[in-house]
All heavy atoms as atom14 arrays in JSON, in Angstrom:
{
  "sequence": "QRHRAQARNRADALARLLDLIRRAAQPPLKRRATKPPAASRERRIES",
  "atom14_mask": [
    [1, 1, 1, 1, 1, 1, 1, 1, 1, 0, 0, 0, 0, 0],
    [1, 1, 1, 1, 1, 1, 1, 1, 1, 1, 1, 0, 0, 0],
    [1, 1, 1, 1, 1, 1, 1, 1, 1, 1, 0, 0, 0, 0],
    [1, 1, 1, 1, 1, 1, 1, 1, 1, 1, 1, 0, 0, 0],
    [1, 1, 1, 1, 1, 0, 0, 0, 0, 0, 0, 0, 0, 0],
    [1, 1, 1, 1, 1, 1, 1, 1, 1, 0, 0, 0, 0, 0],
    [1, 1, 1, 1, 1, 0, 0, 0, 0, 0, 0, 0, 0, 0],
    [1, 1, 1, 1, 1, 1, 1, 1, 1, 1, 1, 0, 0, 0],
    [1, 1, 1, 1, 1, 1, 1, 1, 0, 0, 0, 0, 0, 0],
    [1, 1, 1, 1, 1, 1, 1, 1, 1, 1, 1, 0, 0, 0],
    [1, 1, 1, 1, 1, 0, 0, 0, 0, 0, 0, 0, 0, 0],
    [1, 1, 1, 1, 1, 1, 1, 1, 0, 0, 0, 0, 0, 0],
    [1, 1, 1, 1, 1, 0, 0, 0, 0, 0, 0, 0, 0, 0],
    [1, 1, 1, 1, 1, 1, 1, 1, 0, 0, 0, 0, 0, 0],
    [1, 1, 1, 1, 1, 0, 0, 0, 0, 0, 0, 0, 0, 0],
    [1, 1, 1, 1, 1, 1, 1, 1, 1, 1, 1, 0, 0, 0],
    [1, 1, 1, 1, 1, 1, 1, 1, 0, 0, 0, 0, 0, 0],
    [1, 1, 1, 1, 1, 1, 1, 1, 0, 0, 0, 0, 0, 0],
    [1, 1, 1, 1, 1, 1, 1, 1, 0, 0, 0, 0, 0, 0],
    [1, 1, 1, 1, 1, 1, 1, 1, 0, 0, 0, 0, 0, 0],
    [1, 1, 1, 1, 1, 1, 1, 1, 0, 0, 0, 0, 0, 0],
    [1, 1, 1, 1, 1, 1, 1, 1, 1, 1, 1, 0, 0, 0],
    [1, 1, 1, 1, 1, 1, 1, 1, 1, 1, 1, 0, 0, 0],
    [1, 1, 1, 1, 1, 0, 0, 0, 0, 0, 0, 0, 0, 0],
    [1, 1, 1, 1, 1, 0, 0, 0, 0, 0, 0, 0, 0, 0],
    [1, 1, 1, 1, 1, 1, 1, 1, 1, 0, 0, 0, 0, 0],
    [1, 1, 1, 1, 1, 1, 1, 0, 0, 0, 0, 0, 0, 0],
    [1, 1, 1, 1, 1, 1, 1, 0, 0, 0, 0, 0, 0, 0],
    [1, 1, 1, 1, 1, 1, 1, 1, 0, 0, 0, 0, 0, 0],
    [1, 1, 1, 1, 1, 1, 1, 1, 1, 0, 0, 0, 0, 0],
    [1, 1, 1, 1, 1, 1, 1, 1, 1, 1, 1, 0, 0, 0],
    [1, 1, 1, 1, 1, 1, 1, 1, 1, 1, 1, 0, 0, 0],
    [1, 1, 1, 1, 1, 0, 0, 0, 0, 0, 0, 0, 0, 0],
    [1, 1, 1, 1, 1, 1, 1, 0, 0, 0, 0, 0, 0, 0],
    [1, 1, 1, 1, 1, 1, 1, 1, 1, 0, 0, 0, 0, 0],
    [1, 1, 1, 1, 1, 1, 1, 0, 0, 0, 0, 0, 0, 0],
    [1, 1, 1, 1, 1, 1, 1, 0, 0, 0, 0, 0, 0, 0],
    [1, 1, 1, 1, 1, 0, 0, 0, 0, 0, 0, 0, 0, 0],
    [1, 1, 1, 1, 1, 0, 0, 0, 0, 0, 0, 0, 0, 0],
    [1, 1, 1, 1, 1, 1, 0, 0, 0, 0, 0, 0, 0, 0],
    [1, 1, 1, 1, 1, 1, 1, 1, 1, 1, 1, 0, 0, 0],
    [1, 1, 1, 1, 1, 1, 1, 1, 1, 0, 0, 0, 0, 0],
    [1, 1, 1, 1, 1, 1, 1, 1, 1, 1, 1, 0, 0, 0],
    [1, 1, 1, 1, 1, 1, 1, 1, 1, 1, 1, 0, 0, 0],
    [1, 1, 1, 1, 1, 1, 1, 1, 0, 0, 0, 0, 0, 0],
    [1, 1, 1, 1, 1, 1, 1, 1, 1, 0, 0, 0, 0, 0],
    [1, 1, 1, 1, 1, 1, 0, 0, 0, 0, 0, 0, 0, 0]
  ],
  "atom14_positions": [
    [[11.83, -3.3, 6.43], [12.71, -4.45, 6.64], [13.56, -4.72, 5.41], [13.98, -5.82, 5.15], [11.89, -5.69, 7.0], [10.84, -6.09, 6.01], [10.05, -7.29, 6.47], [10.2, -7.77, 7.6], [9.22, -7.82, 5.6], [0.0, 0.0, 0.0], [0.0, 0.0, 0.0], [0.0, 0.0, 0.0], [0.0, 0.0, 0.0], [0.0, 0.0, 0.0]],
    [[13.82, -3.67, 4.63], [14.61, -3.81, 3.4], [16.08, -4.11, 3.7], [16.74, -4.8, 2.94], [14.56, -2.52, 2.58], [13.22, -2.22, 1.99], [13.28, -0.93, 1.21], [11.93, -0.48, 0.9], [11.62, 0.74, 0.51], [12.56, 1.64, 0.37], [10.37, 1.06, 0.25], [0.0, 0.0, 0.0], [0.0, 0.0, 0.0], [0.0, 0.0, 0.0]],
    [[16.56, -3.55, 4.79], [17.99, -3.65, 5.11], [18.23, -4.65, 6.24], [17.33, -4.96, 7.01], [18.53, -2.27, 5.5], [18.21, -1.21, 4.49], [18.85, -1.12, 3.28], [17.3, -0.21, 4.5], [18.35, -0.1, 2.59], [17.41, 0.47, 3.32], [0.0, 0.0, 0.0], [0.0, 0.0, 0.0], [0.0, 0.0, 0.0], [0.0, 0.0, 0.0]],
    [[19.46, -5.11, 6.33], [19.79, -6.07, 7.39], [20.15, -5.37, 8.69], [20.18, -6.0, 9.75], [20.94, -6.96, 6.92], [20.47, -7.95, 5.88], [21.59, -8.76, 5.33], [22.13, -9.68, 6.32], [23.01, -10.63, 6.03], [23.42, -10.79, 4.79], [23.46, -11.42, 6.97], [0.0, 0.0, 0.0], [0.0, 0.0, 0.0], [0.0, 0.0, 0.0]],
    [[20.42, -4.06, 8.62], [20.79, -3.3, 9.83], [19.57, -2.55, 10.37], [18.81, -1.94, 9.61], [21.9, -2.31, 9.51], [0.0, 0.0, 0.0], [0.0, 0.0, 0.0], [0.0, 0.0, 0.0], [0.0, 0.0, 0.0], [0.0, 0.0, 0.0], [0.0, 0.0, 0.0], [0.0, 0.0, 0.0], [0.0, 0.0, 0.0], [0.0, 0.0, 0.0]],
    [[19.4, -2.61, 11.68], [18.27, -1.96, 12.32], [18.28, -0.44, 12.1], [17.25, 0.17, 11.83], [18.29, -2.27, 13.82], [17.05, -1.84, 14.54], [17.15, -2.12, 16.03], [17.82, -1.37, 16.73], [16.52, -3.18, 16.48], [0.0, 0.0, 0.0], [0.0, 0.0, 0.0], [0.0, 0.0, 0.0], [0.0, 0.0, 0.0], [0.0, 0.0, 0.0]],
    [[19.46, 0.16, 12.17], [19.57, 1.62, 12.02], [19.13, 2.06, 10.63], [18.44, 3.08, 10.48], [21.01, 2.06, 12.28], [0.0, 0.0, 0.0], [0.0, 0.0, 0.0], [0.0, 0.0, 0.0], [0.0, 0.0, 0.0], [0.0, 0.0, 0.0], [0.0, 0.0, 0.0], [0.0, 0.0, 0.0], [0.0, 0.0, 0.0], [0.0, 0.0, 0.0]],
    [[19.5, 1.29, 9.61], [19.1, 1.65, 8.25], [17.59, 1.48, 8.06], [16.96, 2.26, 7.36], [19.86, 0.8, 7.23], [21.34, 1.22, 7.16], [22.11, 0.4, 6.17], [21.72, 0.75, 4.8], [22.15, 0.1, 3.74], [22.96, -0.94, 3.88], [21.77, 0.45, 2.54], [0.0, 0.0, 0.0], [0.0, 0.0, 0.0], [0.0, 0.0, 0.0]],
    [[17.01, 0.46, 8.69], [15.56, 0.28, 8.62], [14.83, 1.4, 9.33], [13.77, 1.85, 8.88], [15.16, -1.08, 9.2], [15.41, -2.2, 8.22], [15.35, -2.03, 7.02], [15.69, -3.38, 8.75], [0.0, 0.0, 0.0], [0.0, 0.0, 0.0], [0.0, 0.0, 0.0], [0.0, 0.0, 0.0], [0.0, 0.0, 0.0], [0.0, 0.0, 0.0]],
    [[15.37, 1.88, 10.45], [14.76, 3.01, 11.17], [14.76, 4.25, 10.29], [13.75, 4.94, 10.19], [15.54, 3.31, 12.46], [15.33, 2.31, 13.56], [16.16, 2.66, 14.76], [15.61, 3.84, 15.43], [16.21, 4.47, 16.42], [17.38, 4.06, 16.86], [15.65, 5.5, 16.98], [0.0, 0.0, 0.0], [0.0, 0.0, 0.0], [0.0, 0.0, 0.0]],
    [[15.9, 4.52, 9.66], [16.0, 5.7, 8.79], [15.06, 5.57, 7.6], [14.43, 6.55, 7.17], [17.44, 5.86, 8.33], [0.0, 0.0, 0.0], [0.0, 0.0, 0.0], [0.0, 0.0, 0.0], [0.0, 0.0, 0.0], [0.0, 0.0, 0.0], [0.0, 0.0, 0.0], [0.0, 0.0, 0.0], [0.0, 0.0, 0.0], [0.0, 0.0, 0.0]],
    [[14.95, 4.35, 7.06], [14.08, 4.1, 5.91], [12.61, 4.33, 6.29], [11.86, 4.99, 5.55], [14.28, 2.67, 5.41], [13.42, 2.35, 4.2], [13.26, 3.22, 3.33], [12.93, 1.2, 4.12], [0.0, 0.0, 0.0], [0.0, 0.0, 0.0], [0.0, 0.0, 0.0], [0.0, 0.0, 0.0], [0.0, 0.0, 0.0], [0.0, 0.0, 0.0]],
    [[12.18, 3.83, 7.42], [10.79, 3.99, 7.86], [10.46, 5.46, 8.1], [9.4, 5.95, 7.69], [10.54, 3.17, 9.13], [0.0, 0.0, 0.0], [0.0, 0.0, 0.0], [0.0, 0.0, 0.0], [0.0, 0.0, 0.0], [0.0, 0.0, 0.0], [0.0, 0.0, 0.0], [0.0, 0.0, 0.0], [0.0, 0.0, 0.0], [0.0, 0.0, 0.0]],
    [[11.38, 6.19, 8.74], [11.16, 7.61, 9.01], [11.1, 8.39, 7.7], [10.25, 9.26, 7.52], [12.25, 8.16, 9.92], [12.09, 9.61, 10.35], [10.79, 9.79, 11.13], [13.27, 10.07, 11.17], [0.0, 0.0, 0.0], [0.0, 0.0, 0.0], [0.0, 0.0, 0.0], [0.0, 0.0, 0.0], [0.0, 0.0, 0.0], [0.0, 0.0, 0.0]],
    [[11.98, 8.07, 6.76], [12.0, 8.76, 5.47], [10.69, 8.52, 4.72], [10.15, 9.44, 4.09], [13.18, 8.28, 4.64], [0.0, 0.0, 0.0], [0.0, 0.0, 0.0], [0.0, 0.0, 0.0], [0.0, 0.0, 0.0], [0.0, 0.0, 0.0], [0.0, 0.0, 0.0], [0.0, 0.0, 0.0], [0.0, 0.0, 0.0], [0.0, 0.0, 0.0]],
    [[10.15, 7.3, 4.8], [8.88, 7.0, 4.12], [7.72, 7.76, 4.76], [6.83, 8.24, 4.06], [8.64, 5.49, 4.12], [9.53, 4.81, 3.09], [9.66, 3.33, 3.22], [8.45, 2.59, 3.44], [8.42, 1.33, 3.87], [9.54, 0.68, 4.1], [7.29, 0.71, 4.05], [0.0, 0.0, 0.0], [0.0, 0.0, 0.0], [0.0, 0.0, 0.0]],
    [[7.73, 7.89, 6.09], [6.68, 8.66, 6.77], [6.77, 10.14, 6.37], [5.76, 10.76, 6.04], [6.8, 8.52, 8.29], [5.83, 9.39, 9.1], [4.4, 8.91, 8.91], [6.2, 9.4, 10.56], [0.0, 0.0, 0.0], [0.0, 0.0, 0.0], [0.0, 0.0, 0.0], [0.0, 0.0, 0.0], [0.0, 0.0, 0.0], [0.0, 0.0, 0.0]],
    [[7.97, 10.7, 6.39], [8.13, 12.11, 6.04], [7.74, 12.37, 4.6], [7.13, 13.4, 4.29], [9.58, 12.55, 6.3], [10.04, 12.49, 7.77], [11.47, 12.96, 7.89], [9.13, 13.29, 8.67], [0.0, 0.0, 0.0], [0.0, 0.0, 0.0], [0.0, 0.0, 0.0], [0.0, 0.0, 0.0], [0.0, 0.0, 0.0], [0.0, 0.0, 0.0]],
    [[8.06, 11.43, 3.7], [7.67, 11.58, 2.3], [6.15, 11.58, 2.17], [5.58, 12.38, 1.41], [8.27, 10.44, 1.47], [7.88, 10.54, 0.01], [8.13, 11.6, -0.59], [7.33, 9.55, -0.53], [0.0, 0.0, 0.0], [0.0, 0.0, 0.0], [0.0, 0.0, 0.0], [0.0, 0.0, 0.0], [0.0, 0.0, 0.0], [0.0, 0.0, 0.0]],
    [[5.49, 10.72, 2.91], [4.03, 10.65, 2.9], [3.43, 11.96, 3.38], [2.48, 12.49, 2.79], [3.57, 9.49, 3.79], [2.18, 8.95, 3.61], [2.01, 8.34, 2.23], [1.9, 7.89, 4.66], [0.0, 0.0, 0.0], [0.0, 0.0, 0.0], [0.0, 0.0, 0.0], [0.0, 0.0, 0.0], [0.0, 0.0, 0.0], [0.0, 0.0, 0.0]],
    [[3.98, 12.52, 4.45], [3.47, 13.79, 5.0], [3.74, 14.93, 4.03], [2.89, 15.81, 3.83], [4.07, 14.06, 6.38], [3.61, 12.99, 7.38], [3.69, 15.45, 6.88], [4.28, 13.04, 8.72], [0.0, 0.0, 0.0], [0.0, 0.0, 0.0], [0.0, 0.0, 0.0], [0.0, 0.0, 0.0], [0.0, 0.0, 0.0], [0.0, 0.0, 0.0]],
    [[4.91, 14.94, 3.39], [5.22, 15.99, 2.4], [4.25, 15.96, 1.23], [3.8, 17.0, 0.76], [6.65, 15.83, 1.88], [7.68, 16.36, 2.82], [9.07, 16.37, 2.22], [10.04, 16.56, 3.29], [10.83, 15.62, 3.78], [10.8, 14.41, 3.27], [11.64, 15.88, 4.76], [0.0, 0.0, 0.0], [0.0, 0.0, 0.0], [0.0, 0.0, 0.0]],
    [[3.92, 14.75, 0.77], [2.95, 14.64, -0.33], [1.57, 15.12, 0.11], [0.85, 15.74, -0.66], [2.87, 13.21, -0.85], [4.08, 12.84, -1.7], [3.88, 11.53, -2.4], [3.81, 10.44, -1.44], [3.2, 9.28, -1.65], [2.59, 9.06, -2.78], [3.21, 8.34, -0.73], [0.0, 0.0, 0.0], [0.0, 0.0, 0.0], [0.0, 0.0, 0.0]],
    [[1.2, 14.86, 1.37], [-0.1, 15.3, 1.89], [-0.12, 16.81, 2.1], [-1.19, 17.43, 2.06], [-0.42, 14.58, 3.19], [0.0, 0.0, 0.0], [0.0, 0.0, 0.0], [0.0, 0.0, 0.0], [0.0, 0.0, 0.0], [0.0, 0.0, 0.0], [0.0, 0.0, 0.0], [0.0, 0.0, 0.0], [0.0, 0.0, 0.0], [0.0, 0.0, 0.0]],
    [[1.04, 17.41, 2.34], [1.11, 18.84, 2.61], [0.9, 19.67, 1.34], [0.56, 20.85, 1.43], [2.46, 19.19, 3.23], [0.0, 0.0, 0.0], [0.0, 0.0, 0.0], [0.0, 0.0, 0.0], [0.0, 0.0, 0.0], [0.0, 0.0, 0.0], [0.0, 0.0, 0.0], [0.0, 0.0, 0.0], [0.0, 0.0, 0.0], [0.0, 0.0, 0.0]],
    [[1.08, 19.07, 0.18], [0.87, 19.81, -1.07], [-0.63, 19.85, -1.38], [-1.24, 18.8, -1.57], [1.6, 19.14, -2.22], [3.1, 19.19, -2.08], [3.8, 18.41, -3.17], [3.19, 17.63, -3.88], [5.09, 18.63, -3.28], [0.0, 0.0, 0.0], [0.0, 0.0, 0.0], [0.0, 0.0, 0.0], [0.0, 0.0, 0.0], [0.0, 0.0, 0.0]],
    [[-1.22, 21.03, -1.43], [-2.65, 21.11, -1.71], [-2.93, 20.65, -3.14], [-2.11, 20.89, -4.03], [-2.99, 22.58, -1.52], [-1.7, 23.31, -1.59], [-0.62, 22.34, -1.22], [0.0, 0.0, 0.0], [0.0, 0.0, 0.0], [0.0, 0.0, 0.0], [0.0, 0.0, 0.0], [0.0, 0.0, 0.0], [0.0, 0.0, 0.0], [0.0, 0.0, 0.0]],
    [[-4.06, 20.0, -3.37], [-4.37, 19.55, -4.73], [-4.61, 20.74, -5.65], [-5.11, 21.78, -5.22], [-5.64, 18.72, -4.56], [-6.24, 19.19, -3.29], [-5.1, 19.65, -2.43], [0.0, 0.0, 0.0], [0.0, 0.0, 0.0], [0.0, 0.0, 0.0], [0.0, 0.0, 0.0], [0.0, 0.0, 0.0], [0.0, 0.0, 0.0], [0.0, 0.0, 0.0]],
    [[-4.24, 20.59, -6.91], [-4.43, 21.66, -7.88], [-5.9, 21.75, -8.25], [-6.58, 20.74, -8.41], [-3.6, 21.37, -9.14], [-2.09, 21.33, -8.95], [-1.42, 20.89, -10.23], [-1.56, 22.68, -8.52], [0.0, 0.0, 0.0], [0.0, 0.0, 0.0], [0.0, 0.0, 0.0], [0.0, 0.0, 0.0], [0.0, 0.0, 0.0], [0.0, 0.0, 0.0]],
    [[-6.38, 22.98, -8.39], [-7.76, 23.2, -8.79], [-7.9, 22.86, -10.27], [-7.04, 23.2, -11.07], [-8.15, 24.66, -8.57], [-8.09, 25.1, -7.12], [-9.47, 25.02, -6.5], [-9.51, 25.66, -5.15], [-9.29, 24.77, -4.07], [0.0, 0.0, 0.0], [0.0, 0.0, 0.0], [0.0, 0.0, 0.0], [0.0, 0.0, 0.0], [0.0, 0.0, 0.0]],
    [[-8.99, 22.21, -10.61], [-9.22, 21.86, -12.01], [-9.79, 23.07, -12.73], [-10.74, 23.7, -12.27], [-10.21, 20.7, -12.1], [-10.41, 20.23, -13.52], [-11.56, 19.25, -13.61], [-11.78, 18.81, -14.97], [-12.41, 19.5, -15.9], [-12.88, 20.7, -15.61], [-12.57, 19.02, -17.12], [0.0, 0.0, 0.0], [0.0, 0.0, 0.0], [0.0, 0.0, 0.0]],
    [[-9.17, 23.39, -13.87], [-9.66, 24.5, -14.68], [-10.57, 23.95, -15.76], [-10.18, 23.07, -16.52], [-8.49, 25.23, -15.34], [-8.2, 26.53, -14.65], [-7.18, 27.3, -15.41], [-5.88, 27.07, -14.8], [-4.74, 27.04, -15.44], [-4.7, 27.22, -16.73], [-3.63, 26.83, -14.8], [0.0, 0.0, 0.0], [0.0, 0.0, 0.0], [0.0, 0.0, 0.0]],
    [[-11.76, 24.46, -15.84], [-12.7, 24.0, -16.86], [-12.23, 24.48, -18.23], [-11.88, 25.64, -18.41], [-14.09, 24.54, -16.57], [0.0, 0.0, 0.0], [0.0, 0.0, 0.0], [0.0, 0.0, 0.0], [0.0, 0.0, 0.0], [0.0, 0.0, 0.0], [0.0, 0.0, 0.0], [0.0, 0.0, 0.0], [0.0, 0.0, 0.0], [0.0, 0.0, 0.0]],
    [[-12.2, 23.56, -19.19], [-11.8, 23.91, -20.55], [-12.84, 23.37, -21.53], [-13.57, 22.44, -21.21], [-10.43, 23.31, -20.91], [-10.51, 21.9, -20.75], [-9.33, 23.86, -20.02], [0.0, 0.0, 0.0], [0.0, 0.0, 0.0], [0.0, 0.0, 0.0], [0.0, 0.0, 0.0], [0.0, 0.0, 0.0], [0.0, 0.0, 0.0], [0.0, 0.0, 0.0]],
    [[-12.86, 23.96, -22.72], [-13.76, 23.49, -23.76], [-13.02, 22.46, -24.6], [-11.81, 22.58, -24.8], [-14.19, 24.65, -24.65], [-15.06, 25.66, -23.95], [-15.44, 26.77, -24.91], [-16.27, 27.82, -24.21], [-16.56, 28.95, -25.11], [0.0, 0.0, 0.0], [0.0, 0.0, 0.0], [0.0, 0.0, 0.0], [0.0, 0.0, 0.0], [0.0, 0.0, 0.0]],
    [[-13.74, 21.47, -25.15], [-13.06, 20.52, -26.02], [-12.64, 21.21, -27.31], [-13.35, 22.08, -27.82], [-14.11, 19.44, -26.28], [-15.41, 20.03, -25.91], [-15.14, 21.12, -24.93], [0.0, 0.0, 0.0], [0.0, 0.0, 0.0], [0.0, 0.0, 0.0], [0.0, 0.0, 0.0], [0.0, 0.0, 0.0], [0.0, 0.0, 0.0], [0.0, 0.0, 0.0]],
    [[-11.48, 20.85, -27.86], [-11.01, 21.48, -29.1], [-11.95, 21.16, -30.27], [-12.66, 20.15, -30.26], [-9.64, 20.85, -29.35], [-9.3, 20.1, -28.13], [-10.53, 19.91, -27.32], [0.0, 0.0, 0.0], [0.0, 0.0, 0.0], [0.0, 0.0, 0.0], [0.0, 0.0, 0.0], [0.0, 0.0, 0.0], [0.0, 0.0, 0.0], [0.0, 0.0, 0.0]],
    [[-11.91, 22.01, -31.26], [-12.78, 21.85, -32.43], [-12.5, 20.53, -33.14], [-13.43, 19.85, -33.61], [-12.6, 23.02, -33.39], [0.0, 0.0, 0.0], [0.0, 0.0, 0.0], [0.0, 0.0, 0.0], [0.0, 0.0, 0.0], [0.0, 0.0, 0.0], [0.0, 0.0, 0.0], [0.0, 0.0, 0.0], [0.0, 0.0, 0.0], [0.0, 0.0, 0.0]],
    [[-11.25, 20.13, -33.21], [-10.88, 18.89, -33.91], [-11.5, 17.68, -33.22], [-11.99, 16.77, -33.89], [-9.37, 18.75, -33.97], [0.0, 0.0, 0.0], [0.0, 0.0, 0.0], [0.0, 0.0, 0.0], [0.0, 0.0, 0.0], [0.0, 0.0, 0.0], [0.0, 0.0, 0.0], [0.0, 0.0, 0.0], [0.0, 0.0, 0.0], [0.0, 0.0, 0.0]],
    [[-11.52, 17.67, -31.9], [-12.1, 16.52, -31.2], [-13.62, 16.5, -31.35], [-14.22, 15.44, -31.45], [-11.71, 16.52, -29.72], [-12.34, 17.56, -29.04], [0.0, 0.0, 0.0], [0.0, 0.0, 0.0], [0.0, 0.0, 0.0], [0.0, 0.0, 0.0], [0.0, 0.0, 0.0], [0.0, 0.0, 0.0], [0.0, 0.0, 0.0], [0.0, 0.0, 0.0]],
    [[-14.24, 17.68, -31.42], [-15.69, 17.74, -31.67], [-16.01, 17.18, -33.06], [-16.96, 16.43, -33.22], [-16.19, 19.18, -31.55], [-16.36, 19.63, -30.11], [-17.17, 20.91, -30.04], [-16.51, 21.99, -30.77], [-15.96, 23.06, -30.21], [-15.98, 23.22, -28.91], [-15.39, 23.99, -30.95], [0.0, 0.0, 0.0], [0.0, 0.0, 0.0], [0.0, 0.0, 0.0]],
    [[-15.18, 17.56, -34.04], [-15.39, 17.06, -35.4], [-15.23, 15.54, -35.46], [-16.02, 14.86, -36.11], [-14.39, 17.72, -36.36], [-14.77, 19.14, -36.74], [-13.74, 19.76, -37.67], [-13.13, 19.02, -38.48], [-13.55, 20.98, -37.57], [0.0, 0.0, 0.0], [0.0, 0.0, 0.0], [0.0, 0.0, 0.0], [0.0, 0.0, 0.0], [0.0, 0.0, 0.0]],
    [[-14.2, 15.01, -34.78], [-13.99, 13.56, -34.77], [-15.17, 12.84, -34.13], [-15.6, 11.8, -34.62], [-12.7, 13.21, -34.0], [-11.44, 13.42, -34.8], [-10.25, 12.77, -34.11], [-10.03, 13.25, -32.74], [-9.28, 14.29, -32.4], [-8.65, 14.98, -33.34], [-9.15, 14.63, -31.14], [0.0, 0.0, 0.0], [0.0, 0.0, 0.0], [0.0, 0.0, 0.0]],
    [[-15.72, 13.42, -33.07], [-16.87, 12.83, -32.4], [-18.07, 12.79, -33.32], [-18.74, 11.76, -33.47], [-17.18, 13.62, -31.12], [-18.31, 13.04, -30.31], [-18.55, 13.86, -29.05], [-19.96, 13.96, -28.82], [-20.75, 14.94, -29.25], [-20.25, 15.94, -29.93], [-22.03, 14.94, -28.99], [0.0, 0.0, 0.0], [0.0, 0.0, 0.0], [0.0, 0.0, 0.0]],
    [[-18.37, 13.89, -33.97], [-19.52, 13.96, -34.89], [-19.31, 13.0, -36.05], [-20.24, 12.29, -36.47], [-19.72, 15.41, -35.4], [-20.0, 16.37, -34.25], [-20.83, 15.47, -36.45], [-21.25, 16.07, -33.46], [0.0, 0.0, 0.0], [0.0, 0.0, 0.0], [0.0, 0.0, 0.0], [0.0, 0.0, 0.0], [0.0, 0.0, 0.0], [0.0, 0.0, 0.0]],
    [[-18.09, 12.94, -36.59], [-17.8, 12.05, -37.71], [-17.98, 10.58, -37.33], [-18.55, 9.8, -38.09], [-16.36, 12.29, -38.2], [-16.0, 11.58, -39.48], [-16.94, 11.93, -40.63], [-17.29, 13.12, -40.78], [-17.33, 11.0, -41.36], [0.0, 0.0, 0.0], [0.0, 0.0, 0.0], [0.0, 0.0, 0.0], [0.0, 0.0, 0.0], [0.0, 0.0, 0.0]],
    [[-17.54, 10.21, -36.1], [-17.7, 8.82, -35.66], [-19.19, 8.49, -35.45], [-19.62, 7.38, -35.73], [-16.9, 8.55, -34.39], [-17.5, 9.18, -33.29], [0.0, 0.0, 0.0], [0.0, 0.0, 0.0], [0.0, 0.0, 0.0], [0.0, 0.0, 0.0], [0.0, 0.0, 0.0], [0.0, 0.0, 0.0], [0.0, 0.0, 0.0], [0.0, 0.0, 0.0]]
  ]
}
């Protein structure tokens, strides 16, 4: 209901639905396991 014209609101609603579906269509990225850097280990031990 952002716009005063019905046609623009229809286009806006459809665009929002398609955007939602496009975001859902992208598979989530797999998390790669990494080791903490040496500097962060040193900071942890020092604290």
